[in-house]
Structures are given as structure tokens and as C-alpha cells.
Amino acid sequence: MDRREERILHRAEKAGVKLAKKEGRIPTREEVLQTKIQILSGSARWTMFGGSLVSGFTCWYFLSHEMLSAGSVAAVLAAFLLLFSIFGIKRTLETLADQLSYEIVDVVFEAIGNVVGSVFD
């Protein structure tokens, strides 16, 4: 298992445990498959935030020098980068399992069962 799969596995376990605590029971396989998991790393999100700041300053510079088209493009880019840095990109575990392998779902489901089973016992 590579680092990306390990990160997704860890995030899926956390999301499943959070779902189980909220529901007060061990979630079903279908519920686990429908949980949304953040696939962008923190460093990528911080980089996008920095890019949105740079684009915002670029927008301000272009608009102050009456370059409206370039300023508008920079403003749209800043807005998109800011939104992606705040919300990231989430996918359901089922979509990620289609891209990776379905054995990751079994590992996640077993890990959630172990953690939640020990909490509720």
C-alpha cells in the first residue's frame, strides 16, 4: 500500500468512526461507502491558499492600473483557489475504491468495527 492509499485509509477510518459515534451504532457497509473523504492533502490546500493570496494581489495590481480583463481573470482565479483551499476536494469512499482497489473498503470496515466495537463495549 502506497502513501496515498494509507492517507485515504486513515481518513476513511476517521470518517467512519465519526459517523458511528454520531449514529450511536456501527454503520453498515453502504453507509461507509457513502462517506465523503478529503483527498487533498493539507500542504496542497495551504499552497492553494497562498496562490489565492498572490492572485488577489495580482488582481488588485491589474485593476489599479486599469487592466480590467487581466484583473478579472486574476479575480476569478483567486476565488477558485480560495474555495478549493477552504473546502478541498471530497470523494465518497466508493468512488475512491473504484480508483484504487476494493480491498481498502474491507480494511476500513474492519478497522471501524474494531474501534467502534471497543468504544461501545
PDB file of N, CA and C in Angstrom:
ATOM      1  N   MET A   1       0.847  -1.172   0.000  1.00  0.00           N
ATOM      2  CA  MET A   1       0.000   0.000   0.000  1.00  0.00           C
ATOM      3  C   MET A   1       0.899   1.245   0.000  1.00  0.00           C
ATOM      4  N   ASP A   2       0.659   2.158  -0.921  1.00  0.00           N
ATOM      5  CA  ASP A   2       1.487   3.365  -1.001  1.00  0.00           C
ATOM      6  C   ASP A   2       0.966   4.435  -0.034  1.00  0.00           C
ATOM      7  N   ARG A   3       1.693   5.553   0.004  1.00  0.00           N
ATOM      8  CA  ARG A   3       1.351   6.613   0.970  1.00  0.00           C
ATOM      9  C   ARG A   3      -0.044   7.186   0.724  1.00  0.00           C
ATOM     10  N   ARG A   4      -0.425   7.323  -0.539  1.00  0.00           N
ATOM     11  CA  ARG A   4      -1.743   7.883  -0.848  1.00  0.00           C
ATOM     12  C   ARG A   4      -2.845   6.983  -0.307  1.00  0.00           C
ATOM     13  N   GLU A   5      -2.700   5.681  -0.525  1.00  0.00           N
ATOM     14  CA  GLU A   5      -3.696   4.749  -0.016  1.00  0.00           C
ATOM     15  C   GLU A   5      -3.726   4.744   1.502  1.00  0.00           C
ATOM     16  N   GLU A   6      -2.557   4.861   2.133  1.00  0.00           N
ATOM     17  CA  GLU A   6      -2.514   4.903   3.598  1.00  0.00           C
ATOM     18  C   GLU A   6      -3.219   6.145   4.136  1.00  0.00           C
ATOM     19  N   ARG A   7      -3.001   7.302   3.469  1.00  0.00           N
ATOM     20  CA  ARG A   7      -3.683   8.527   3.899  1.00  0.00           C
ATOM     21  C   ARG A   7      -5.188   8.398   3.735  1.00  0.00           C
ATOM     22  N   ILE A   8      -5.623   7.857   2.605  1.00  0.00           N
ATOM     23  CA  ILE A   8      -7.057   7.683   2.365  1.00  0.00           C
ATOM     24  C   ILE A   8      -7.638   6.703   3.378  1.00  0.00           C
ATOM     25  N   LEU A   9      -6.897   5.636   3.669  1.00  0.00           N
ATOM     26  CA  LEU A   9      -7.348   4.658   4.657  1.00  0.00           C
ATOM     27  C   LEU A   9      -7.517   5.320   6.021  1.00  0.00           C
ATOM     28  N   HIS A  10      -6.549   6.116   6.421  1.00  0.00           N
ATOM     29  CA  HIS A  10      -6.622   6.804   7.720  1.00  0.00           C
ATOM     30  C   HIS A  10      -7.803   7.769   7.755  1.00  0.00           C
ATOM     31  N   ARG A  11      -7.994   8.540   6.694  1.00  0.00           N
ATOM     32  CA  ARG A  11      -9.110   9.493   6.658  1.00  0.00           C
ATOM     33  C   ARG A  11     -10.445   8.769   6.634  1.00  0.00           C
ATOM     34  N   ALA A  12     -10.512   7.635   5.931  1.00  0.00           N
ATOM     35  CA  ALA A  12     -11.757   6.863   5.878  1.00  0.00           C
ATOM     36  C   ALA A  12     -12.086   6.281   7.240  1.00  0.00           C
ATOM     37  N   GLU A  13     -11.072   5.794   7.963  1.00  0.00           N
ATOM     38  CA  GLU A  13     -11.303   5.281   9.312  1.00  0.00           C
ATOM     39  C   GLU A  13     -11.862   6.380  10.210  1.00  0.00           C
ATOM     40  N   LYS A  14     -11.253   7.572  10.161  1.00  0.00           N
ATOM     41  CA  LYS A  14     -11.721   8.678  10.989  1.00  0.00           C
ATOM     42  C   LYS A  14     -13.156   9.053  10.640  1.00  0.00           C
ATOM     43  N   ALA A  15     -13.468   9.100   9.344  1.00  0.00           N
ATOM     44  CA  ALA A  15     -14.826   9.466   8.924  1.00  0.00           C
ATOM     45  C   ALA A  15     -15.830   8.411   9.367  1.00  0.00           C
ATOM     46  N   GLY A  16     -15.449   7.141   9.277  1.00  0.00           N
ATOM     47  CA  GLY A  16     -16.344   6.069   9.700  1.00  0.00           C
ATOM     48  C   GLY A  16     -16.586   6.066  11.194  1.00  0.00           C
ATOM     49  N   VAL A  17     -15.544   6.306  11.970  1.00  0.00           N
ATOM     50  CA  VAL A  17     -15.694   6.364  13.423  1.00  0.00           C
ATOM     51  C   VAL A  17     -16.564   7.558  13.812  1.00  0.00           C
ATOM     52  N   LYS A  18     -16.372   8.676  13.132  1.00  0.00           N
ATOM     53  CA  LYS A  18     -17.195   9.866  13.403  1.00  0.00           C
ATOM     54  C   LYS A  18     -18.661   9.580  13.086  1.00  0.00           C
ATOM     55  N   LEU A  19     -18.902   8.900  11.965  1.00  0.00           N
ATOM     56  CA  LEU A  19     -20.264   8.529  11.587  1.00  0.00           C
ATOM     57  C   LEU A  19     -20.865   7.585  12.622  1.00  0.00           C
ATOM     58  N   ALA A  20     -20.083   6.623  13.083  1.00  0.00           N
ATOM     59  CA  ALA A  20     -20.585   5.660  14.058  1.00  0.00           C
ATOM     60  C   ALA A  20     -20.924   6.339  15.380  1.00  0.00           C
ATOM     61  N   LYS A  21     -20.081   7.264  15.821  1.00  0.00           N
ATOM     62  CA  LYS A  21     -20.364   7.965  17.070  1.00  0.00           C
ATOM     63  C   LYS A  21     -21.615   8.822  16.941  1.00  0.00           C
ATOM     64  N   LYS A  22     -21.800   9.430  15.766  1.00  0.00           N
ATOM     65  CA  LYS A  22     -22.972  10.264  15.549  1.00  0.00           C
ATOM     66  C   LYS A  22     -24.245   9.418  15.526  1.00  0.00           C
ATOM     67  N   GLU A  23     -24.171   8.245  14.893  1.00  0.00           N
ATOM     68  CA  GLU A  23     -25.336   7.365  14.791  1.00  0.00           C
ATOM     69  C   GLU A  23     -25.558   6.547  16.059  1.00  0.00           C
ATOM     70  N   GLY A  24     -24.492   6.336  16.838  1.00  0.00           N
ATOM     71  CA  GLY A  24     -24.609   5.535  18.043  1.00  0.00           C
ATOM     72  C   GLY A  24     -24.583   4.041  17.788  1.00  0.00           C
ATOM     73  N   ARG A  25     -24.126   3.637  16.611  1.00  0.00           N
ATOM     74  CA  ARG A  25     -24.057   2.222  16.243  1.00  0.00           C
ATOM     75  C   ARG A  25     -22.989   2.053  15.168  1.00  0.00           C
ATOM     76  N   ILE A  26     -22.643   0.816  14.887  1.00  0.00           N
ATOM     77  CA  ILE A  26     -21.678   0.550  13.819  1.00  0.00           C
ATOM     78  C   ILE A  26     -22.387   0.747  12.478  1.00  0.00           C
ATOM     79  N   PRO A  27     -21.829   1.575  11.598  1.00  0.00           N
ATOM     80  CA  PRO A  27     -22.504   1.826  10.314  1.00  0.00           C
ATOM     81  C   PRO A  27     -22.463   0.596   9.408  1.00  0.00           C
ATOM     82  N   THR A  28     -23.418   0.531   8.503  1.00  0.00           N
ATOM     83  CA  THR A  28     -23.442  -0.556   7.534  1.00  0.00           C
ATOM     84  C   THR A  28     -22.395  -0.304   6.453  1.00  0.00           C
ATOM     85  N   ARG A  29     -22.140  -1.322   5.673  1.00  0.00           N
ATOM     86  CA  ARG A  29     -21.155  -1.210   4.590  1.00  0.00           C
ATOM     87  C   ARG A  29     -21.555  -0.113   3.602  1.00  0.00           C
ATOM     88  N   GLU A  30     -22.845  -0.017   3.294  1.00  0.00           N
ATOM     89  CA  GLU A  30     -23.315   1.001   2.339  1.00  0.00           C
ATOM     90  C   GLU A  30     -23.118   2.406   2.902  1.00  0.00           C
ATOM     91  N   GLU A  31     -23.350   2.575   4.200  1.00  0.00           N
ATOM     92  CA  GLU A  31     -23.143   3.884   4.822  1.00  0.00           C
ATOM     93  C   GLU A  31     -21.671   4.275   4.798  1.00  0.00           C
ATOM     94  N   VAL A  32     -20.809   3.297   5.039  1.00  0.00           N
ATOM     95  CA  VAL A  32     -19.367   3.571   4.999  1.00  0.00           C
ATOM     96  C   VAL A  32     -18.944   3.943   3.586  1.00  0.00           C
ATOM     97  N   LEU A  33     -19.484   3.256   2.583  1.00  0.00           N
ATOM     98  CA  LEU A  33     -19.121   3.549   1.194  1.00  0.00           C
ATOM     99  C   LEU A  33     -19.570   4.942   0.771  1.00  0.00           C
ATOM    100  N   GLN A  34     -20.615   5.471   1.407  1.00  0.00           N
ATOM    101  CA  GLN A  34     -21.131   6.787   1.029  1.00  0.00           C
ATOM    102  C   GLN A  34     -20.494   7.941   1.806  1.00  0.00           C
ATOM    103  N   THR A  35     -19.589   7.645   2.764  1.00  0.00           N
ATOM    104  CA  THR A  35     -18.933   8.727   3.496  1.00  0.00           C
ATOM    105  C   THR A  35     -17.988   9.469   2.573  1.00  0.00           C
ATOM    106  N   LYS A  36     -17.932  10.779   2.758  1.00  0.00           N
ATOM    107  CA  LYS A  36     -17.053  11.609   1.933  1.00  0.00           C
ATOM    108  C   LYS A  36     -15.726  11.809   2.638  1.00  0.00           C
ATOM    109  N   ILE A  37     -14.652  11.708   1.857  1.00  0.00           N
ATOM    110  CA  ILE A  37     -13.302  11.770   2.401  1.00  0.00           C
ATOM    111  C   ILE A  37     -12.515  12.828   1.638  1.00  0.00           C
ATOM    112  N   GLN A  38     -11.783  13.644   2.391  1.00  0.00           N
ATOM    113  CA  GLN A  38     -10.939  14.684   1.808  1.00  0.00           C
ATOM    114  C   GLN A  38      -9.738  14.032   1.126  1.00  0.00           C
ATOM    115  N   ILE A  39      -9.544  14.320  -0.168  1.00  0.00           N
ATOM    116  CA  ILE A  39      -8.419  13.703  -0.869  1.00  0.00           C
ATOM    117  C   ILE A  39      -7.259  14.669  -1.094  1.00  0.00           C
ATOM    118  N   LEU A  40      -7.483  15.944  -0.835  1.00  0.00           N
ATOM    119  CA  LEU A  40      -6.380  16.901  -0.954  1.00  0.00           C
ATOM    120  C   LEU A  40      -5.616  16.958   0.362  1.00  0.00           C
ATOM    121  N   SER A  41      -4.315  16.907   0.277  1.00  0.00           N
ATOM    122  CA  SER A  41      -3.510  16.977   1.496  1.00  0.00           C
ATOM    123  C   SER A  41      -3.511  18.405   2.034  1.00  0.00           C
ATOM    124  N   GLY A  42      -3.119  18.528   3.284  1.00  0.00           N
ATOM    125  CA  GLY A  42      -3.062  19.849   3.908  1.00  0.00           C
ATOM    126  C   GLY A  42      -2.077  20.774   3.221  1.00  0.00           C
ATOM    127  N   SER A  43      -0.938  20.227   2.793  1.00  0.00           N
ATOM    128  CA  SER A  43       0.057  21.076   2.128  1.00  0.00           C
ATOM    129  C   SER A  43      -0.460  21.604   0.789  1.00  0.00           C
ATOM    130  N   ALA A  44      -1.209  20.779   0.066  1.00  0.00           N
ATOM    131  CA  ALA A  44      -1.782  21.248  -1.201  1.00  0.00           C
ATOM    132  C   ALA A  44      -2.815  22.340  -0.957  1.00  0.00           C
ATOM    133  N   ARG A  45      -3.579  22.194   0.114  1.00  0.00           N
ATOM    134  CA  ARG A  45      -4.584  23.209   0.424  1.00  0.00           C
ATOM    135  C   ARG A  45      -3.930  24.517   0.853  1.00  0.00           C
ATOM    136  N   TRP A  46      -2.844  24.445   1.626  1.00  0.00           N
ATOM    137  CA  TRP A  46      -2.123  25.664   2.014  1.00  0.00           C
ATOM    138  C   TRP A  46      -1.474  26.321   0.799  1.00  0.00           C
ATOM    139  N   THR A  47      -0.971  25.508  -0.122  1.00  0.00           N
ATOM    140  CA  THR A  47      -0.380  26.055  -1.344  1.00  0.00           C
ATOM    141  C   THR A  47      -1.443  26.783  -2.167  1.00  0.00           C
ATOM    142  N   MET A  48      -2.621  26.202  -2.258  1.00  0.00           N
ATOM    143  CA  MET A  48      -3.713  26.864  -2.978  1.00  0.00           C
ATOM    144  C   MET A  48      -4.118  28.164  -2.287  1.00  0.00           C
ATOM    145  N   PHE A  49      -4.108  28.167  -0.963  1.00  0.00           N
ATOM    146  CA  PHE A  49      -4.427  29.394  -0.234  1.00  0.00           C
ATOM    147  C   PHE A  49      -3.398  30.475  -0.539  1.00  0.00           C
ATOM    148  N   GLY A  50      -2.116  30.101  -0.540  1.00  0.00           N
ATOM    149  CA  GLY A  50      -1.065  31.060  -0.905  1.00  0.00           C
ATOM    150  C   GLY A  50      -1.240  31.564  -2.327  1.00  0.00           C
ATOM    151  N   GLY A  51      -1.597  30.652  -3.233  1.00  0.00           N
ATOM    152  CA  GLY A  51      -1.854  31.059  -4.614  1.00  0.00           C
ATOM    153  C   GLY A  51      -3.031  32.005  -4.730  1.00  0.00           C
ATOM    154  N   SER A  52      -4.045  31.799  -3.884  1.00  0.00           N
ATOM    155  CA  SER A  52      -5.191  32.712  -3.921  1.00  0.00           C
ATOM    156  C   SER A  52      -4.795  34.098  -3.428  1.00  0.00           C
ATOM    157  N   LEU A  53      -3.910  34.167  -2.432  1.00  0.00           N
ATOM    158  CA  LEU A  53      -3.430  35.471  -1.969  1.00  0.00           C
ATOM    159  C   LEU A  53      -2.624  36.178  -3.056  1.00  0.00           C
ATOM    160  N   VAL A  54      -1.736  35.429  -3.711  1.00  0.00           N
ATOM    161  CA  VAL A  54      -0.940  36.015  -4.796  1.00  0.00           C
ATOM    162  C   VAL A  54      -1.855  36.484  -5.925  1.00  0.00           C
ATOM    163  N   SER A  55      -2.845  35.667  -6.282  1.00  0.00           N
ATOM    164  CA  SER A  55      -3.783  36.062  -7.335  1.00  0.00           C
ATOM    165  C   SER A  55      -4.603  37.277  -6.925  1.00  0.00           C
ATOM    166  N   GLY A  56      -4.947  37.364  -5.650  1.00  0.00           N
ATOM    167  CA  GLY A  56      -5.693  38.530  -5.170  1.00  0.00           C
ATOM    168  C   GLY A  56      -4.878  39.805  -5.274  1.00  0.00           C
ATOM    169  N   PHE A  57      -3.599  39.742  -4.880  1.00  0.00           N
ATOM    170  CA  PHE A  57      -2.738  40.920  -5.014  1.00  0.00           C
ATOM    171  C   PHE A  57      -2.508  41.268  -6.486  1.00  0.00           C
ATOM    172  N   THR A  58      -2.391  40.227  -7.330  1.00  0.00           N
ATOM    173  CA  THR A  58      -2.243  40.464  -8.766  1.00  0.00           C
ATOM    174  C   THR A  58      -3.494  41.136  -9.324  1.00  0.00           C
ATOM    175  N   CYS A  59      -4.645  40.690  -8.886  1.00  0.00           N
ATOM    176  CA  CYS A  59      -5.907  41.294  -9.305  1.00  0.00           C
ATOM    177  C   CYS A  59      -5.946  42.771  -8.902  1.00  0.00           C
ATOM    178  N   TRP A  60      -5.590  43.050  -7.669  1.00  0.00           N
ATOM    179  CA  TRP A  60      -5.577  44.429  -7.190  1.00  0.00           C
ATOM    180  C   TRP A  60      -4.619  45.283  -8.035  1.00  0.00           C
ATOM    181  N   TYR A  61      -3.435  44.754  -8.340  1.00  0.00           N
ATOM    182  CA  TYR A  61      -2.451  45.491  -9.140  1.00  0.00           C
ATOM    183  C   TYR A  61      -2.998  45.786 -10.533  1.00  0.00           C
ATOM    184  N   PHE A  62      -3.555  44.762 -11.180  1.00  0.00           N
ATOM    185  CA  PHE A  62      -4.076  44.957 -12.537  1.00  0.00           C
ATOM    186  C   PHE A  62      -5.240  45.940 -12.558  1.00  0.00           C
ATOM    187  N   LEU A  63      -6.134  45.820 -11.571  1.00  0.00           N
ATOM    188  CA  LEU A  63      -7.281  46.719 -11.565  1.00  0.00           C
ATOM    189  C   LEU A  63      -6.879  48.157 -11.228  1.00  0.00           C
ATOM    190  N   SER A  64      -5.842  48.329 -10.404  1.00  0.00           N
ATOM    191  CA  SER A  64      -5.392  49.685 -10.090  1.00  0.00           C
ATOM    192  C   SER A  64      -4.687  50.339 -11.280  1.00  0.00           C
ATOM    193  N   HIS A  65      -4.186  49.526 -12.204  1.00  0.00           N
ATOM    194  CA  HIS A  65      -3.561  50.041 -13.427  1.00  0.00           C
ATOM    195  C   HIS A  65      -4.498  49.947 -14.626  1.00  0.00           C
ATOM    196  N   GLU A  66      -5.797  49.798 -14.346  1.00  0.00           N
ATOM    197  CA  GLU A  66      -6.872  49.789 -15.339  1.00  0.00           C
ATOM    198  C   GLU A  66      -6.705  48.720 -16.411  1.00  0.00           C
ATOM    199  N   MET A  67      -6.208  47.560 -16.021  1.00  0.00           N
ATOM    200  CA  MET A  67      -6.156  46.393 -16.904  1.00  0.00           C
ATOM    201  C   MET A  67      -7.306  45.475 -16.487  1.00  0.00           C
ATOM    202  N   LEU A  68      -8.505  45.794 -16.974  1.00  0.00           N
ATOM    203  CA  LEU A  68      -9.708  45.140 -16.482  1.00  0.00           C
ATOM    204  C   LEU A  68      -9.786  43.659 -16.825  1.00  0.00           C
ATOM    205  N   SER A  69      -9.412  43.278 -18.036  1.00  0.00           N
ATOM    206  CA  SER A  69      -9.540  41.867 -18.405  1.00  0.00           C
ATOM    207  C   SER A  69      -8.567  40.998 -17.601  1.00  0.00           C
ATOM    208  N   ALA A  70      -7.326  41.433 -17.468  1.00  0.00           N
ATOM    209  CA  ALA A  70      -6.349  40.664 -16.694  1.00  0.00           C
ATOM    210  C   ALA A  70      -6.727  40.649 -15.218  1.00  0.00           C
ATOM    211  N   GLY A  71      -7.252  41.755 -14.714  1.00  0.00           N
ATOM    212  CA  GLY A  71      -7.705  41.818 -13.327  1.00  0.00           C
ATOM    213  C   GLY A  71      -8.879  40.892 -13.067  1.00  0.00           C
ATOM    214  N   SER A  72      -9.784  40.798 -14.037  1.00  0.00           N
ATOM    215  CA  SER A  72     -10.934  39.905 -13.891  1.00  0.00           C
ATOM    216  C   SER A  72     -10.505  38.444 -13.865  1.00  0.00           C
ATOM    217  N   VAL A  73      -9.575  38.087 -14.735  1.00  0.00           N
ATOM    218  CA  VAL A  73      -9.068  36.713 -14.758  1.00  0.00           C
ATOM    219  C   VAL A  73      -8.381  36.378 -13.429  1.00  0.00           C
ATOM    220  N   ALA A  74      -7.582  37.304 -12.927  1.00  0.00           N
ATOM    221  CA  ALA A  74      -6.900  37.084 -11.654  1.00  0.00           C
ATOM    222  C   ALA A  74      -7.903  36.980 -10.509  1.00  0.00           C
ATOM    223  N   ALA A  75      -8.989  37.743 -10.557  1.00  0.00           N
ATOM    224  CA  ALA A  75     -10.011  37.686  -9.508  1.00  0.00           C
ATOM    225  C   ALA A  75     -10.724  36.332  -9.517  1.00  0.00           C
ATOM    226  N   VAL A  76     -11.054  35.835 -10.691  1.00  0.00           N
ATOM    227  CA  VAL A  76     -11.716  34.529 -10.794  1.00  0.00           C
ATOM    228  C   VAL A  76     -10.777  33.426 -10.310  1.00  0.00           C
ATOM    229  N   LEU A  77      -9.523  33.491 -10.706  1.00  0.00           N
ATOM    230  CA  LEU A  77      -8.538  32.511 -10.256  1.00  0.00           C
ATOM    231  C   LEU A  77      -8.372  32.551  -8.740  1.00  0.00           C
ATOM    232  N   ALA A  78      -8.314  33.743  -8.175  1.00  0.00           N
ATOM    233  CA  ALA A  78      -8.189  33.883  -6.719  1.00  0.00           C
ATOM    234  C   ALA A  78      -9.395  33.272  -6.007  1.00  0.00           C
ATOM    235  N   ALA A  79     -10.568  33.501  -6.549  1.00  0.00           N
ATOM    236  CA  ALA A  79     -11.786  32.966  -5.925  1.00  0.00           C
ATOM    237  C   ALA A  79     -11.793  31.434  -5.959  1.00  0.00           C
ATOM    238  N   PHE A  80     -11.453  30.859  -7.129  1.00  0.00           N
ATOM    239  CA  PHE A  80     -11.424  29.398  -7.236  1.00  0.00           C
ATOM    240  C   PHE A  80     -10.379  28.790  -6.310  1.00  0.00           C
ATOM    241  N   LEU A  81      -9.195  29.360  -6.281  1.00  0.00           N
ATOM    242  CA  LEU A  81      -8.149  28.822  -5.417  1.00  0.00           C
ATOM    243  C   LEU A  81      -8.534  28.934  -3.942  1.00  0.00           C
ATOM    244  N   LEU A  82      -9.182  30.025  -3.574  1.00  0.00           N
ATOM    245  CA  LEU A  82      -9.616  30.197  -2.198  1.00  0.00           C
ATOM    246  C   LEU A  82     -10.674  29.157  -1.829  1.00  0.00           C
ATOM    247  N   LEU A  83     -11.637  28.935  -2.719  1.00  0.00           N
ATOM    248  CA  LEU A  83     -12.671  27.939  -2.448  1.00  0.00           C
ATOM    249  C   LEU A  83     -12.081  26.535  -2.314  1.00  0.00           C
ATOM    250  N   PHE A  84     -11.157  26.171  -3.217  1.00  0.00           N
ATOM    251  CA  PHE A  84     -10.535  24.845  -3.127  1.00  0.00           C
ATOM    252  C   PHE A  84      -9.680  24.718  -1.877  1.00  0.00           C
ATOM    253  N   SER A  85      -9.046  25.804  -1.448  1.00  0.00           N
ATOM    254  CA  SER A  85      -8.221  25.718  -0.244  1.00  0.00           C
ATOM    255  C   SER A  85      -9.081  25.566   1.008  1.00  0.00           C
ATOM    256  N   ILE A  86     -10.261  26.154   1.003  1.00  0.00           N
ATOM    257  CA  ILE A  86     -11.140  26.059   2.169  1.00  0.00           C
ATOM    258  C   ILE A  86     -11.862  24.712   2.196  1.00  0.00           C
ATOM    259  N   PHE A  87     -12.481  24.347   1.082  1.00  0.00           N
ATOM    260  CA  PHE A  87     -13.317  23.150   1.063  1.00  0.00           C
ATOM    261  C   PHE A  87     -12.578  21.900   0.583  1.00  0.00           C
ATOM    262  N   GLY A  88     -11.501  22.073  -0.167  1.00  0.00           N
ATOM    263  CA  GLY A  88     -10.772  20.920  -0.682  1.00  0.00           C
ATOM    264  C   GLY A  88     -11.591  20.159  -1.704  1.00  0.00           C
ATOM    265  N   ILE A  89     -11.208  18.936  -1.914  1.00  0.00           N
ATOM    266  CA  ILE A  89     -11.924  18.067  -2.843  1.00  0.00           C
ATOM    267  C   ILE A  89     -12.283  16.802  -2.082  1.00  0.00           C
ATOM    268  N   LYS A  90     -13.562  16.505  -2.014  1.00  0.00           N
ATOM    269  CA  LYS A  90     -14.020  15.316  -1.301  1.00  0.00           C
ATOM    270  C   LYS A  90     -14.610  14.325  -2.295  1.00  0.00           C
ATOM    271  N   ARG A  91     -14.371  13.072  -2.022  1.00  0.00           N
ATOM    272  CA  ARG A  91     -14.932  11.984  -2.813  1.00  0.00           C
ATOM    273  C   ARG A  91     -15.518  10.956  -1.853  1.00  0.00           C
ATOM    274  N   THR A  92     -16.504  10.204  -2.327  1.00  0.00           N
ATOM    275  CA  THR A  92     -17.026   9.131  -1.492  1.00  0.00           C
ATOM    276  C   THR A  92     -16.036   7.972  -1.500  1.00  0.00           C
ATOM    277  N   LEU A  93     -16.087   7.166  -0.459  1.00  0.00           N
ATOM    278  CA  LEU A  93     -15.185   6.024  -0.361  1.00  0.00           C
ATOM    279  C   LEU A  93     -15.428   5.044  -1.508  1.00  0.00           C
ATOM    280  N   GLU A  94     -16.663   4.950  -1.965  1.00  0.00           N
ATOM    281  CA  GLU A  94     -16.968   4.052  -3.075  1.00  0.00           C
ATOM    282  C   GLU A  94     -16.238   4.498  -4.340  1.00  0.00           C
ATOM    283  N   THR A  95     -16.220   5.802  -4.619  1.00  0.00           N
ATOM    284  CA  THR A  95     -15.506   6.326  -5.784  1.00  0.00           C
ATOM    285  C   THR A  95     -14.013   6.069  -5.662  1.00  0.00           C
ATOM    286  N   LEU A  96     -13.466   6.295  -4.471  1.00  0.00           N
ATOM    287  CA  LEU A  96     -12.044   6.063  -4.253  1.00  0.00           C
ATOM    288  C   LEU A  96     -11.700   4.581  -4.375  1.00  0.00           C
ATOM    289  N   ALA A  97     -12.597   3.721  -3.903  1.00  0.00           N
ATOM    290  CA  ALA A  97     -12.349   2.282  -4.002  1.00  0.00           C
ATOM    291  C   ALA A  97     -12.358   1.832  -5.450  1.00  0.00           C
ATOM    292  N   ASP A  98     -13.196   2.456  -6.275  1.00  0.00           N
ATOM    293  CA  ASP A  98     -13.188   2.132  -7.704  1.00  0.00           C
ATOM    294  C   ASP A  98     -11.854   2.493  -8.328  1.00  0.00           C
ATOM    295  N   GLN A  99     -11.261   3.612  -7.885  1.00  0.00           N
ATOM    296  CA  GLN A  99      -9.985   4.055  -8.440  1.00  0.00           C
ATOM    297  C   GLN A  99      -8.821   3.239  -7.898  1.00  0.00           C
ATOM    298  N   LEU A 100      -8.859   2.864  -6.640  1.00  0.00           N
ATOM    299  CA  LEU A 100      -7.743   2.154  -6.009  1.00  0.00           C
ATOM    300  C   LEU A 100      -7.988   0.644  -6.073  1.00  0.00           C
ATOM    301  N   SER A 101      -8.559   0.107  -5.032  1.00  0.00           N
ATOM    302  CA  SER A 101      -8.938  -1.302  -5.012  1.00  0.00           C
ATOM    303  C   SER A 101      -9.994  -1.484  -3.945  1.00  0.00           C
ATOM    304  N   TYR A 102     -10.862  -2.454  -4.158  1.00  0.00           N
ATOM    305  CA  TYR A 102     -11.951  -2.649  -3.209  1.00  0.00           C
ATOM    306  C   TYR A 102     -11.491  -3.292  -1.912  1.00  0.00           C
ATOM    307  N   GLU A 103     -10.275  -3.804  -1.853  1.00  0.00           N
ATOM    308  CA  GLU A 103      -9.820  -4.375  -0.590  1.00  0.00           C
ATOM    309  C   GLU A 103      -9.615  -3.292   0.468  1.00  0.00           C
ATOM    310  N   ILE A 104      -9.427  -2.034   0.033  1.00  0.00           N
ATOM    311  CA  ILE A 104      -9.286  -0.943   1.001  1.00  0.00           C
ATOM    312  C   ILE A 104     -10.591  -0.762   1.778  1.00  0.00           C
ATOM    313  N   VAL A 105     -11.731  -1.055   1.155  1.00  0.00           N
ATOM    314  CA  VAL A 105     -13.017  -0.934   1.839  1.00  0.00           C
ATOM    315  C   VAL A 105     -13.111  -1.970   2.951  1.00  0.00           C
ATOM    316  N   ASP A 106     -12.648  -3.188   2.693  1.00  0.00           N
ATOM    317  CA  ASP A 106     -12.674  -4.224   3.728  1.00  0.00           C
ATOM    318  C   ASP A 106     -11.794  -3.842   4.910  1.00  0.00           C
ATOM    319  N   VAL A 107     -10.628  -3.279   4.628  1.00  0.00           N
ATOM    320  CA  VAL A 107      -9.720  -2.851   5.693  1.00  0.00           C
ATOM    321  C   VAL A 107     -10.365  -1.737   6.512  1.00  0.00           C
ATOM    322  N   VAL A 108     -10.972  -0.768   5.829  1.00  0.00           N
ATOM    323  CA  VAL A 108     -11.634   0.345   6.522  1.00  0.00           C
ATOM    324  C   VAL A 108     -12.786  -0.174   7.372  1.00  0.00           C
ATOM    325  N   PHE A 109     -13.601  -1.036   6.801  1.00  0.00           N
ATOM    326  CA  PHE A 109     -14.766  -1.556   7.517  1.00  0.00           C
ATOM    327  C   PHE A 109     -14.329  -2.343   8.747  1.00  0.00           C
ATOM    328  N   GLU A 110     -13.279  -3.138   8.629  1.00  0.00           N
ATOM    329  CA  GLU A 110     -12.771  -3.905   9.766  1.00  0.00           C
ATOM    330  C   GLU A 110     -12.209  -2.976  10.846  1.00  0.00           C
ATOM    331  N   ALA A 111     -11.467  -1.942  10.427  1.00  0.00           N
ATOM    332  CA  ALA A 111     -10.895  -1.006  11.391  1.00  0.00           C
ATOM    333  C   ALA A 111     -11.980  -0.240  12.127  1.00  0.00           C
ATOM    334  N   ILE A 112     -13.013   0.186  11.412  1.00  0.00           N
ATOM    335  CA  ILE A 112     -14.129   0.894  12.053  1.00  0.00           C
ATOM    336  C   ILE A 112     -14.823  -0.023  13.050  1.00  0.00           C
ATOM    337  N   GLY A 113     -15.028  -1.259  12.652  1.00  0.00           N
ATOM    338  CA  GLY A 113     -15.649  -2.223  13.550  1.00  0.00           C
ATOM    339  C   GLY A 113     -14.840  -2.437  14.819  1.00  0.00           C
ATOM    340  N   ASN A 114     -13.516  -2.515  14.681  1.00  0.00           N
ATOM    341  CA  ASN A 114     -12.662  -2.704  15.851  1.00  0.00           C
ATOM    342  C   ASN A 114     -12.717  -1.494  16.786  1.00  0.00           C
ATOM    343  N   VAL A 115     -12.590  -0.306  16.210  1.00  0.00           N
ATOM    344  CA  VAL A 115     -12.569   0.910  17.041  1.00  0.00           C
ATOM    345  C   VAL A 115     -13.928   1.145  17.685  1.00  0.00           C
ATOM    346  N   VAL A 116     -14.976   1.074  16.902  1.00  0.00           N
ATOM    347  CA  VAL A 116     -16.319   1.351  17.419  1.00  0.00           C
ATOM    348  C   VAL A 116     -16.760   0.246  18.362  1.00  0.00           C
ATOM    349  N   GLY A 117     -16.403  -0.985  18.046  1.00  0.00           N
ATOM    350  CA  GLY A 117     -16.763  -2.095  18.942  1.00  0.00           C
ATOM    351  C   GLY A 117     -16.138  -1.935  20.308  1.00  0.00           C
ATOM    352  N   SER A 118     -14.902  -1.472  20.363  1.00  0.00           N
ATOM    353  CA  SER A 118     -14.251  -1.275  21.664  1.00  0.00           C
ATOM    354  C   SER A 118     -14.821  -0.064  22.397  1.00  0.00           C
ATOM    355  N   VAL A 119     -15.299   0.928  21.668  1.00  0.00           N
ATOM    356  CA  VAL A 119     -15.895   2.109  22.316  1.00  0.00           C
ATOM    357  C   VAL A 119     -17.241   1.776  22.930  1.00  0.00           C
ATOM    358  N   PHE A 120     -18.072   1.009  22.201  1.00  0.00           N
ATOM    359  CA  PHE A 120     -19.415   0.710  22.669  1.00  0.00           C
ATOM    360  C   PHE A 120     -19.481  -0.474  23.631  1.00  0.00           C
ATOM    361  N   ASP A 121     -18.394  -1.212  23.785  1.00  0.00           N
ATOM    362  CA  ASP A 121     -18.390  -2.362  24.714  1.00  0.00           C
ATOM    363  C   ASP A 121     -18.213  -1.947  26.138  1.00  0.00           C
TER     364      ASP A 121
END
